N, C-alpha and C. Protein backbone atom coordinates (compact mmCIF):
# COMPACT_ATOMS: atom_id res chain seq x y z
N MET A 1 0.99 -1.08 0.12
CA MET A 1 -0.22 0.08 -0.12
C MET A 1 0.86 1.42 -0.45
N PRO A 2 0.53 2.05 -0.63
CA PRO A 2 1.41 3.07 -0.72
C PRO A 2 1.23 4.19 0.54
N PRO A 3 2.47 4.85 0.93
CA PRO A 3 2.40 5.12 2.34
C PRO A 3 1.08 6.75 2.20
N ALA A 4 0.87 7.45 1.43
CA ALA A 4 0.29 8.17 1.45
C ALA A 4 -1.13 7.36 1.81
N ALA A 5 -1.72 6.34 0.98
CA ALA A 5 -3.22 6.28 1.16
C ALA A 5 -3.03 5.14 2.76
N ALA A 6 -1.77 4.87 3.12
CA ALA A 6 -2.36 4.37 4.49
C ALA A 6 -1.81 5.71 6.13
N ALA A 7 -1.28 6.87 5.45
CA ALA A 7 -1.83 8.21 6.26
C ALA A 7 -3.01 8.44 5.90
N LEU A 8 -3.82 8.19 4.73
CA LEU A 8 -5.07 9.25 4.69
C LEU A 8 -5.79 8.28 5.84
N LEU A 9 -5.48 7.09 5.23
CA LEU A 9 -6.96 5.85 6.08
C LEU A 9 -6.74 5.75 8.19
N VAL A 10 -5.41 6.77 8.34
CA VAL A 10 -5.69 6.64 9.69
C VAL A 10 -6.00 8.59 9.92
N ALA A 11 -5.26 8.92 9.00
CA ALA A 11 -5.77 10.97 9.23
C ALA A 11 -6.82 11.20 9.27
N TYR A 12 -8.02 10.44 7.75
CA TYR A 12 -9.17 10.74 8.06
C TYR A 12 -10.49 10.41 9.73
N PRO A 13 -10.00 9.49 10.07
CA PRO A 13 -10.41 9.02 11.32
C PRO A 13 -10.56 10.22 12.37
N ALA A 14 -8.85 10.11 12.37
CA ALA A 14 -8.73 11.24 13.24
C ALA A 14 -9.07 12.61 13.21
N TRP A 15 -8.65 12.93 11.94
CA TRP A 15 -9.34 14.70 11.96
C TRP A 15 -10.58 14.54 12.14
N ASP A 16 -11.20 13.60 12.01
CA ASP A 16 -12.99 13.32 12.20
C ASP A 16 -13.29 14.06 13.77
N ALA A 17 -12.90 13.36 14.90
CA ALA A 17 -12.44 13.05 15.78
C ALA A 17 -12.32 14.09 16.49
N VAL A 18 -11.33 14.82 16.07
CA VAL A 18 -10.41 16.47 16.46
C VAL A 18 -12.03 17.53 15.98
N ALA A 19 -12.34 17.57 15.04
CA ALA A 19 -13.03 18.02 14.20
C ALA A 19 -14.52 18.24 15.27
N ASN A 20 -14.75 16.84 15.96
CA ASN A 20 -16.14 16.63 16.68
C ASN A 20 -16.21 17.51 18.18
N VAL A 21 -14.55 17.03 18.21
CA VAL A 21 -14.40 17.85 19.64
C VAL A 21 -14.42 19.09 19.92
N ILE A 22 -14.48 19.64 18.65
CA ILE A 22 -14.11 20.97 18.96
C ILE A 22 -15.38 21.89 18.46
N ASP A 23 -15.59 20.97 17.85
CA ASP A 23 -17.55 21.76 17.19
C ASP A 23 -18.25 21.41 18.47
N ALA A 24 -18.24 20.53 19.07
CA ALA A 24 -19.02 20.43 20.96
C ALA A 24 -18.86 21.33 21.58
N ARG A 25 -16.71 21.79 21.62
CA ARG A 25 -17.01 22.37 22.48
C ARG A 25 -17.38 23.92 22.27
N ARG A 26 -17.38 24.50 21.39
CA ARG A 26 -18.30 25.73 20.32
C ARG A 26 -19.56 25.58 20.69
N SER A 27 -20.39 25.02 21.15
CA SER A 27 -21.77 24.73 21.09
C SER A 27 -22.07 24.25 22.51
N ASP A 28 -21.76 24.81 23.22
CA ASP A 28 -22.53 24.04 24.71
C ASP A 28 -21.73 22.69 25.25
N GLY A 29 -20.96 22.14 24.73
CA GLY A 29 -19.71 21.36 25.05
C GLY A 29 -20.22 19.95 25.02
N LEU A 30 -19.29 18.82 25.24
CA LEU A 30 -19.33 17.33 25.03
C LEU A 30 -20.72 16.88 25.88
N ALA A 31 -21.26 16.88 26.44
CA ALA A 31 -22.28 16.29 27.71
C ALA A 31 -23.52 16.79 26.75
N ALA A 32 -23.43 18.31 26.42
CA ALA A 32 -24.80 18.61 25.67
C ALA A 32 -24.86 17.98 24.46
N ASN A 33 -23.85 17.62 23.72
CA ASN A 33 -24.17 16.70 22.32
C ASN A 33 -23.47 15.59 22.36
N PRO A 34 -24.57 15.14 23.38
CA PRO A 34 -24.38 13.31 22.92
C PRO A 34 -23.99 12.50 21.43
N SER A 35 -24.46 13.30 20.50
CA SER A 35 -24.06 12.43 19.20
C SER A 35 -22.52 12.82 18.49
N GLN A 36 -22.01 14.12 19.08
CA GLN A 36 -21.00 14.54 18.46
C GLN A 36 -19.93 13.24 19.27
N THR A 37 -20.30 13.77 20.77
CA THR A 37 -18.98 12.61 21.00
C THR A 37 -19.61 11.27 21.40
N LEU A 38 -20.21 10.75 20.80
CA LEU A 38 -20.42 9.58 20.24
C LEU A 38 -19.49 9.35 18.98
N ASN A 39 -19.96 10.12 18.19
CA ASN A 39 -19.22 10.27 16.78
C ASN A 39 -17.51 10.22 17.20
N ALA A 40 -16.86 11.41 17.87
CA ALA A 40 -15.44 11.49 18.42
C ALA A 40 -15.18 10.19 19.03
N ALA A 41 -15.78 9.28 19.82
CA ALA A 41 -15.52 8.93 20.65
C ALA A 41 -15.13 7.54 19.37
N ALA A 42 -16.23 7.18 18.34
CA ALA A 42 -16.07 6.01 17.44
C ALA A 42 -15.15 6.52 16.58
N SER A 43 -14.67 7.61 16.46
CA SER A 43 -13.65 8.20 15.22
C SER A 43 -12.42 7.82 16.11
N THR A 44 -12.54 8.28 16.91
CA THR A 44 -11.06 7.62 18.05
C THR A 44 -10.57 6.48 17.98
N VAL A 45 -11.84 5.33 18.46
CA VAL A 45 -11.50 4.31 17.99
C VAL A 45 -11.12 3.13 16.45
N VAL A 46 -11.80 4.17 16.03
CA VAL A 46 -11.37 3.53 14.72
C VAL A 46 -9.92 4.11 13.92
N THR A 47 -9.56 5.09 14.61
CA THR A 47 -8.61 5.52 14.51
C THR A 47 -7.62 4.55 15.01
N LEU A 48 -7.52 4.33 15.82
CA LEU A 48 -6.55 3.63 16.69
C LEU A 48 -6.14 1.90 16.24
N ALA A 49 -7.81 1.57 15.86
CA ALA A 49 -7.52 0.35 15.20
C ALA A 49 -7.21 -0.10 13.79
N VAL A 50 -7.09 1.33 13.14
CA VAL A 50 -6.67 1.39 11.44
C VAL A 50 -5.02 1.59 11.81
N ALA A 51 -5.25 1.67 12.74
CA ALA A 51 -3.08 2.59 12.97
C ALA A 51 -2.31 1.27 13.21
N VAL A 52 -3.03 0.15 14.44
CA VAL A 52 -2.70 -1.03 14.73
C VAL A 52 -3.10 -2.09 13.64
N ALA A 53 -3.73 -2.10 13.04
CA ALA A 53 -3.65 -3.24 11.82
C ALA A 53 -2.58 -2.95 11.02
N LEU A 54 -2.64 -1.67 10.50
CA LEU A 54 -1.46 -1.21 9.71
C LEU A 54 -0.12 -1.47 9.79
N GLU A 55 0.26 -1.55 11.29
CA GLU A 55 1.39 -1.45 12.04
C GLU A 55 0.98 -2.96 12.16
N ARG A 56 0.66 -4.16 12.43
CA ARG A 56 0.64 -5.10 12.83
C ARG A 56 0.78 -6.41 11.41
N HIS A 57 -0.16 -5.61 10.36
CA HIS A 57 -0.22 -6.65 9.45
C HIS A 57 -0.06 -5.44 8.09
N PRO A 58 1.11 -5.02 7.73
CA PRO A 58 1.07 -4.10 6.68
C PRO A 58 1.03 -4.65 5.15
N ILE A 59 0.29 -3.61 4.27
CA ILE A 59 0.04 -4.74 3.03
C ILE A 59 0.97 -3.66 1.83
N ARG A 60 1.42 -4.77 0.97
CA ARG A 60 2.77 -4.51 0.33
C ARG A 60 1.95 -4.33 -0.71
N LEU A 61 2.92 -3.85 -1.69
CA LEU A 61 2.27 -3.16 -3.29
C LEU A 61 3.07 -4.41 -3.63
N ASP A 62 2.56 -5.22 -4.35
CA ASP A 62 3.20 -6.26 -4.85
C ASP A 62 3.56 -5.46 -6.74
N ARG A 63 4.45 -4.88 -7.27
CA ARG A 63 4.17 -4.46 -9.10
C ARG A 63 4.59 -5.81 -9.67
N ARG A 64 4.98 -7.08 -9.58
CA ARG A 64 5.41 -8.37 -9.98
C ARG A 64 4.20 -8.96 -10.54
N ARG A 65 3.07 -8.57 -9.61
CA ARG A 65 2.10 -9.80 -9.75
C ARG A 65 0.78 -9.07 -10.36
N ARG A 66 0.86 -9.57 -11.73
CA ARG A 66 0.02 -8.74 -12.70
C ARG A 66 -1.86 -9.26 -12.62
N SER A 67 -1.93 -10.43 -11.84
CA SER A 67 -3.24 -11.57 -11.66
C SER A 67 -3.46 -11.07 -10.42
N LEU A 68 -4.88 -11.18 -10.36
CA LEU A 68 -5.49 -11.70 -9.20
C LEU A 68 -6.40 -12.85 -8.65
N ARG A 69 -5.85 -14.03 -10.08
CA ARG A 69 -5.58 -15.19 -9.58
C ARG A 69 -4.87 -15.72 -8.66
N PRO A 70 -5.44 -16.64 -7.27
CA PRO A 70 -4.46 -16.58 -6.48
C PRO A 70 -3.31 -18.05 -6.70
N ARG A 71 -2.72 -17.92 -6.19
CA ARG A 71 -1.41 -18.71 -6.36
C ARG A 71 -0.81 -19.40 -5.14
N ASP A 72 -0.13 -20.62 -5.54
CA ASP A 72 0.42 -21.72 -4.25
C ASP A 72 1.39 -21.07 -3.56
N SER A 73 2.20 -21.67 -2.41
CA SER A 73 3.15 -20.93 -2.06
C SER A 73 4.66 -20.86 -2.96
N CYS A 74 4.79 -20.91 -4.40
CA CYS A 74 5.82 -20.91 -4.71
C CYS A 74 5.67 -19.44 -5.97
N GLY A 75 4.37 -19.34 -5.67
CA GLY A 75 4.31 -18.06 -6.33
C GLY A 75 3.50 -18.31 -7.93
N THR A 76 3.06 -19.78 -8.22
CA THR A 76 3.03 -20.19 -9.36
C THR A 76 1.54 -20.27 -9.78
N PRO A 77 0.45 -20.04 -10.72
CA PRO A 77 -0.82 -20.16 -10.99
C PRO A 77 -1.55 -21.47 -10.53
N PRO A 78 -2.58 -22.10 -10.13
CA PRO A 78 -2.91 -23.46 -10.12
C PRO A 78 -3.03 -23.86 -10.73
N LEU A 79 -3.24 -24.74 -10.98
CA LEU A 79 -3.70 -25.93 -11.77
C LEU A 79 -4.79 -25.86 -12.76
N ARG A 80 -5.32 -25.97 -13.54
CA ARG A 80 -7.15 -25.90 -13.72
C ARG A 80 -7.57 -27.01 -14.28
N SER A 81 -8.33 -27.52 -14.08
CA SER A 81 -8.84 -28.61 -14.15
C SER A 81 -10.17 -28.80 -15.23
N ALA A 82 -9.97 -29.66 -15.91
CA ALA A 82 -10.67 -29.92 -17.53
C ALA A 82 -11.98 -30.36 -17.36
């Protein structure tokens, strides 16, 4: 996965969480805006989950492989049955 795509996967929900907190604070606080509080919390959880997933299981871009067909452990396509 290109680094820019990975950064956007983390940055978008983080930005959403920050924007919800700022907006809620400007309009009577988080306690008065439970939907924004829930949205900020959910966006924070998603940000952390995506960051952890990308750290544990990075997706590598394989430029050599041009087919989406499954391959065996040696990299060769499976035999077709007649």
